[in-house]
Amino acid sequence: MNRALPLLALCLLTACGLRPVYSGGSQGAVARSLGNIEVQAIEGKAGWLMRNALNDRLAPMRGTGPAYKLVVKLDDQIRGFGLRADAAITRERRTLRARYQLIDAATGAQVLDDTAGSDAGIDVTSSEYATIAAEDTALERLSQTVADQIVARLSLYAARDTGREGQ
């Protein structure tokens, strides 16, 4: 009986209807759809990092041409929250939030409007240089994390959209 249970669970899992988002690899429908997204310019240093991170993730899947425009607006904030007895800040939190919109290039219609975000803690040291370096490193990591979230959401949209086209 103990051996039959995992076999039964495996059989049920195959009937659940789940399928990989990236089935077909770089030639699959989702990858081709993602490859047709043009990332618009984003303001500031955080914007430059974010655009590069998004392009790094979308470039390997280049399609036939930009069918969509991705517009991203960032909110990058640093707030101190750890205080010593002399009121000096000992810890900071850097928060990067993105509001992104996917726009159909042919019609100008907005097809997706969503947000993504992440935050990181930073130790404030007696060295101003070390603190600035830590803030910059946090921004680089946050850009990568938020770009991953955006591409994952775009992939889900593309999978749903290509599923509708096949019906």
C-alpha atoms as a PDB file:
ATOM      1  CA  MET A   1       0.000   0.000   0.000  1.00  0.00           C
ATOM      2  CA  ASN A   2       2.859   2.401   0.846  1.00  0.00           C
ATOM      3  CA  ARG A   3       4.341   1.989  -2.644  1.00  0.00           C
ATOM      4  CA  ALA A   4       1.031   2.517  -4.406  1.00  0.00           C
ATOM      5  CA  LEU A   5       0.427   5.948  -2.826  1.00  0.00           C
ATOM      6  CA  PRO A   6       3.350   7.737  -4.565  1.00  0.00           C
ATOM      7  CA  LEU A   7       2.413   6.090  -7.863  1.00  0.00           C
ATOM      8  CA  LEU A   8      -1.185   7.255  -7.468  1.00  0.00           C
ATOM      9  CA  ALA A   9      -0.002  10.788  -6.625  1.00  0.00           C
ATOM     10  CA  LEU A  10       2.194  10.804  -9.722  1.00  0.00           C
ATOM     11  CA  CYS A  11      -0.717   9.752 -11.911  1.00  0.00           C
ATOM     12  CA  LEU A  12      -2.920  12.501 -10.450  1.00  0.00           C
ATOM     13  CA  LEU A  13      -0.188  15.087 -10.999  1.00  0.00           C
ATOM     14  CA  THR A  14       0.009  14.319 -14.707  1.00  0.00           C
ATOM     15  CA  ALA A  15      -3.729  14.906 -15.034  1.00  0.00           C
ATOM     16  CA  CYS A  16      -3.728  18.319 -13.333  1.00  0.00           C
ATOM     17  CA  GLY A  17      -3.328  20.287 -16.561  1.00  0.00           C
ATOM     18  CA  LEU A  18      -0.135  22.085 -15.581  1.00  0.00           C
ATOM     19  CA  ARG A  19       2.337  22.773 -18.351  1.00  0.00           C
ATOM     20  CA  PRO A  20       5.676  24.588 -18.369  1.00  0.00           C
ATOM     21  CA  VAL A  21       5.515  28.286 -19.204  1.00  0.00           C
ATOM     22  CA  TYR A  22       8.634  28.077 -21.339  1.00  0.00           C
ATOM     23  CA  SER A  23       7.751  24.884 -23.168  1.00  0.00           C
ATOM     24  CA  GLY A  24       9.507  24.870 -26.509  1.00  0.00           C
ATOM     25  CA  GLY A  25      12.519  26.754 -25.120  1.00  0.00           C
ATOM     26  CA  SER A  26      13.548  29.884 -27.008  1.00  0.00           C
ATOM     27  CA  GLN A  27      11.342  28.807 -29.945  1.00  0.00           C
ATOM     28  CA  GLY A  28       8.204  28.421 -27.812  1.00  0.00           C
ATOM     29  CA  ALA A  29       5.219  30.737 -28.010  1.00  0.00           C
ATOM     30  CA  VAL A  30       5.915  32.471 -24.681  1.00  0.00           C
ATOM     31  CA  ALA A  31       9.584  33.095 -25.482  1.00  0.00           C
ATOM     32  CA  ARG A  32       8.676  34.506 -28.902  1.00  0.00           C
ATOM     33  CA  SER A  33       6.089  36.761 -27.293  1.00  0.00           C
ATOM     34  CA  LEU A  34       8.591  37.998 -24.680  1.00  0.00           C
ATOM     35  CA  GLY A  35      11.121  38.588 -27.442  1.00  0.00           C
ATOM     36  CA  ASN A  36       8.743  41.063 -29.043  1.00  0.00           C
ATOM     37  CA  ILE A  37       8.816  43.445 -26.068  1.00  0.00           C
ATOM     38  CA  GLU A  38      10.741  46.695 -26.369  1.00  0.00           C
ATOM     39  CA  VAL A  39      11.747  48.192 -23.012  1.00  0.00           C
ATOM     40  CA  GLN A  40      11.358  51.965 -23.073  1.00  0.00           C
ATOM     41  CA  ALA A  41      13.972  54.258 -21.484  1.00  0.00           C
ATOM     42  CA  ILE A  42      13.660  54.633 -17.702  1.00  0.00           C
ATOM     43  CA  GLU A  43      14.872  57.734 -15.856  1.00  0.00           C
ATOM     44  CA  GLY A  44      17.865  57.837 -13.519  1.00  0.00           C
ATOM     45  CA  LYS A  45      20.543  55.447 -12.371  1.00  0.00           C
ATOM     46  CA  ALA A  46      17.975  52.979 -11.044  1.00  0.00           C
ATOM     47  CA  GLY A  47      16.213  53.200 -14.404  1.00  0.00           C
ATOM     48  CA  TRP A  48      19.408  52.483 -16.303  1.00  0.00           C
ATOM     49  CA  LEU A  49      20.075  49.428 -14.118  1.00  0.00           C
ATOM     50  CA  MET A  50      16.467  48.235 -14.449  1.00  0.00           C
ATOM     51  CA  ARG A  51      16.365  48.631 -18.245  1.00  0.00           C
ATOM     52  CA  ASN A  52      19.636  46.717 -18.607  1.00  0.00           C
ATOM     53  CA  ALA A  53      18.367  43.935 -16.321  1.00  0.00           C
ATOM     54  CA  LEU A  54      15.130  43.647 -18.302  1.00  0.00           C
ATOM     55  CA  ASN A  55      16.937  43.670 -21.647  1.00  0.00           C
ATOM     56  CA  ASP A  56      19.360  41.002 -20.374  1.00  0.00           C
ATOM     57  CA  ARG A  57      16.408  38.744 -19.622  1.00  0.00           C
ATOM     58  CA  LEU A  58      14.447  39.473 -22.808  1.00  0.00           C
ATOM     59  CA  ALA A  59      17.311  39.687 -25.358  1.00  0.00           C
ATOM     60  CA  PRO A  60      17.945  35.922 -25.651  1.00  0.00           C
ATOM     61  CA  MET A  61      14.352  35.559 -26.852  1.00  0.00           C
ATOM     62  CA  ARG A  62      14.401  38.230 -29.579  1.00  0.00           C
ATOM     63  CA  GLY A  63      11.377  37.895 -31.814  1.00  0.00           C
ATOM     64  CA  THR A  64      10.405  39.355 -35.151  1.00  0.00           C
ATOM     65  CA  GLY A  65      10.055  42.932 -33.940  1.00  0.00           C
ATOM     66  CA  PRO A  66       8.557  45.018 -31.163  1.00  0.00           C
ATOM     67  CA  ALA A  67       4.888  44.107 -30.834  1.00  0.00           C
ATOM     68  CA  TYR A  68       4.751  45.555 -27.303  1.00  0.00           C
ATOM     69  CA  LYS A  69       6.289  48.464 -25.420  1.00  0.00           C
ATOM     70  CA  LEU A  70       7.153  48.078 -21.758  1.00  0.00           C
ATOM     71  CA  VAL A  71       6.914  51.347 -19.833  1.00  0.00           C
ATOM     72  CA  VAL A  72       8.411  51.279 -16.336  1.00  0.00           C
ATOM     73  CA  LYS A  73       8.286  53.971 -13.655  1.00  0.00           C
ATOM     74  CA  LEU A  74      10.452  53.482 -10.576  1.00  0.00           C
ATOM     75  CA  ASP A  75      10.222  54.671  -7.002  1.00  0.00           C
ATOM     76  CA  ASP A  76      13.613  54.321  -5.277  1.00  0.00           C
ATOM     77  CA  GLN A  77      13.797  55.310  -1.611  1.00  0.00           C
ATOM     78  CA  ILE A  78      16.313  55.025   1.211  1.00  0.00           C
ATOM     79  CA  ARG A  79      15.093  55.431   4.781  1.00  0.00           C
ATOM     80  CA  GLY A  80      17.060  55.276   8.004  1.00  0.00           C
ATOM     81  CA  PHE A  81      15.485  53.272  10.794  1.00  0.00           C
ATOM     82  CA  GLY A  82      18.151  52.114  13.224  1.00  0.00           C
ATOM     83  CA  LEU A  83      19.143  54.770  15.767  1.00  0.00           C
ATOM     84  CA  ARG A  84      21.861  54.863  18.383  1.00  0.00           C
ATOM     85  CA  ALA A  85      21.565  56.753  21.644  1.00  0.00           C
ATOM     86  CA  ASP A  86      23.189  59.798  19.986  1.00  0.00           C
ATOM     87  CA  ALA A  87      20.448  59.748  17.246  1.00  0.00           C
ATOM     88  CA  ALA A  88      22.871  58.543  14.545  1.00  0.00           C
ATOM     89  CA  ILE A  89      21.341  56.195  11.967  1.00  0.00           C
ATOM     90  CA  THR A  90      22.828  52.690  12.063  1.00  0.00           C
ATOM     91  CA  ARG A  91      20.617  50.915   9.518  1.00  0.00           C
ATOM     92  CA  GLU A  92      18.876  51.877   6.298  1.00  0.00           C
ATOM     93  CA  ARG A  93      16.252  50.238   4.128  1.00  0.00           C
ATOM     94  CA  ARG A  94      16.427  50.744   0.373  1.00  0.00           C
ATOM     95  CA  THR A  95      13.133  50.098  -1.383  1.00  0.00           C
ATOM     96  CA  LEU A  96      12.699  49.813  -5.145  1.00  0.00           C
ATOM     97  CA  ARG A  97       9.160  49.712  -6.505  1.00  0.00           C
ATOM     98  CA  ALA A  98       8.242  49.536 -10.185  1.00  0.00           C
ATOM     99  CA  ARG A  99       4.944  50.252 -11.864  1.00  0.00           C
ATOM    100  CA  TYR A 100       5.035  48.777 -15.333  1.00  0.00           C
ATOM    101  CA  GLN A 101       2.650  48.818 -18.239  1.00  0.00           C
ATOM    102  CA  LEU A 102       2.687  46.616 -21.306  1.00  0.00           C
ATOM    103  CA  ILE A 103       1.331  48.471 -24.310  1.00  0.00           C
ATOM    104  CA  ASP A 104       0.347  46.942 -27.646  1.00  0.00           C
ATOM    105  CA  ALA A 105       2.548  48.776 -30.175  1.00  0.00           C
ATOM    106  CA  ALA A 106       0.006  48.434 -32.998  1.00  0.00           C
ATOM    107  CA  THR A 107      -3.067  49.753 -31.187  1.00  0.00           C
ATOM    108  CA  GLY A 108      -1.586  51.680 -28.265  1.00  0.00           C
ATOM    109  CA  ALA A 109      -3.859  49.727 -25.917  1.00  0.00           C
ATOM    110  CA  GLN A 110      -2.583  48.985 -22.439  1.00  0.00           C
ATOM    111  CA  VAL A 111      -2.766  45.216 -21.994  1.00  0.00           C
ATOM    112  CA  LEU A 112      -1.093  44.877 -18.592  1.00  0.00           C
ATOM    113  CA  ASP A 113      -0.642  47.272 -15.666  1.00  0.00           C
ATOM    114  CA  ASP A 114       1.090  45.885 -12.588  1.00  0.00           C
ATOM    115  CA  THR A 115       3.649  46.583  -9.877  1.00  0.00           C
ATOM    116  CA  ALA A 116       6.724  44.825  -8.538  1.00  0.00           C
ATOM    117  CA  GLY A 117       9.100  45.645  -5.749  1.00  0.00           C
ATOM    118  CA  SER A 118      11.660  44.583  -3.238  1.00  0.00           C
ATOM    119  CA  ASP A 119      13.727  46.029  -0.424  1.00  0.00           C
ATOM    120  CA  ALA A 120      17.133  45.526   1.140  1.00  0.00           C
ATOM    121  CA  GLY A 121      18.679  46.371   4.486  1.00  0.00           C
ATOM    122  CA  ILE A 122      21.952  48.321   4.621  1.00  0.00           C
ATOM    123  CA  ASP A 123      24.314  48.729   7.565  1.00  0.00           C
ATOM    124  CA  VAL A 124      25.470  52.304   8.013  1.00  0.00           C
ATOM    125  CA  THR A 125      29.135  52.367   8.984  1.00  0.00           C
ATOM    126  CA  SER A 126      31.473  55.120  10.101  1.00  0.00           C
ATOM    127  CA  SER A 127      32.904  55.134   6.565  1.00  0.00           C
ATOM    128  CA  GLU A 128      30.718  57.226   4.264  1.00  0.00           C
ATOM    129  CA  TYR A 129      32.344  55.541   1.248  1.00  0.00           C
ATOM    130  CA  ALA A 130      31.430  52.066   2.528  1.00  0.00           C
ATOM    131  CA  THR A 131      27.841  53.146   3.157  1.00  0.00           C
ATOM    132  CA  ILE A 132      27.489  54.622  -0.351  1.00  0.00           C
ATOM    133  CA  ALA A 133      29.016  51.473  -1.855  1.00  0.00           C
ATOM    134  CA  ALA A 134      26.536  49.340   0.113  1.00  0.00           C
ATOM    135  CA  GLU A 135      23.630  51.518  -1.091  1.00  0.00           C
ATOM    136  CA  ASP A 136      24.786  51.134  -4.717  1.00  0.00           C
ATOM    137  CA  THR A 137      25.201  47.370  -4.345  1.00  0.00           C
ATOM    138  CA  ALA A 138      21.722  47.140  -2.847  1.00  0.00           C
ATOM    139  CA  LEU A 139      20.298  49.064  -5.817  1.00  0.00           C
ATOM    140  CA  GLU A 140      21.995  46.694  -8.269  1.00  0.00           C
ATOM    141  CA  ARG A 141      20.599  43.638  -6.461  1.00  0.00           C
ATOM    142  CA  LEU A 142      17.140  45.166  -6.175  1.00  0.00           C
ATOM    143  CA  SER A 143      17.114  45.970  -9.903  1.00  0.00           C
ATOM    144  CA  GLN A 144      17.847  42.327 -10.677  1.00  0.00           C
ATOM    145  CA  THR A 145      15.169  41.070  -8.276  1.00  0.00           C
ATOM    146  CA  VAL A 146      12.475  43.434  -9.543  1.00  0.00           C
ATOM    147  CA  ALA A 147      13.385  42.666 -13.183  1.00  0.00           C
ATOM    148  CA  ASP A 148      12.916  38.952 -12.419  1.00  0.00           C
ATOM    149  CA  GLN A 149       9.473  39.684 -10.968  1.00  0.00           C
ATOM    150  CA  ILE A 150       8.466  41.734 -14.011  1.00  0.00           C
ATOM    151  CA  VAL A 151       9.627  39.103 -16.510  1.00  0.00           C
ATOM    152  CA  ALA A 152       7.851  36.357 -14.543  1.00  0.00           C
ATOM    153  CA  ARG A 153       4.593  38.351 -14.671  1.00  0.00           C
ATOM    154  CA  LEU A 154       5.070  39.104 -18.388  1.00  0.00           C
ATOM    155  CA  SER A 155       5.632  35.375 -18.956  1.00  0.00           C
ATOM    156  CA  LEU A 156       2.359  34.521 -17.240  1.00  0.00           C
ATOM    157  CA  TYR A 157       0.556  37.113 -19.351  1.00  0.00           C
ATOM    158  CA  ALA A 158       2.170  35.768 -22.532  1.00  0.00           C
ATOM    159  CA  ALA A 159       1.288  32.172 -21.615  1.00  0.00           C
ATOM    160  CA  ARG A 160      -2.332  33.133 -20.998  1.00  0.00           C
ATOM    161  CA  ASP A 161      -2.455  35.253 -24.171  1.00  0.00           C
ATOM    162  CA  THR A 162      -0.887  32.566 -26.398  1.00  0.00           C
ATOM    163  CA  GLY A 163      -3.258  30.023 -24.854  1.00  0.00           C
ATOM    164  CA  ARG A 164      -6.209  32.139 -26.025  1.00  0.00           C
ATOM    165  CA  GLU A 165      -4.799  32.407 -29.551  1.00  0.00           C
ATOM    166  CA  GLY A 166      -4.540  28.619 -29.792  1.00  0.00           C
ATOM    167  CA  GLN A 167      -8.234  28.166 -28.972  1.00  0.00           C
END
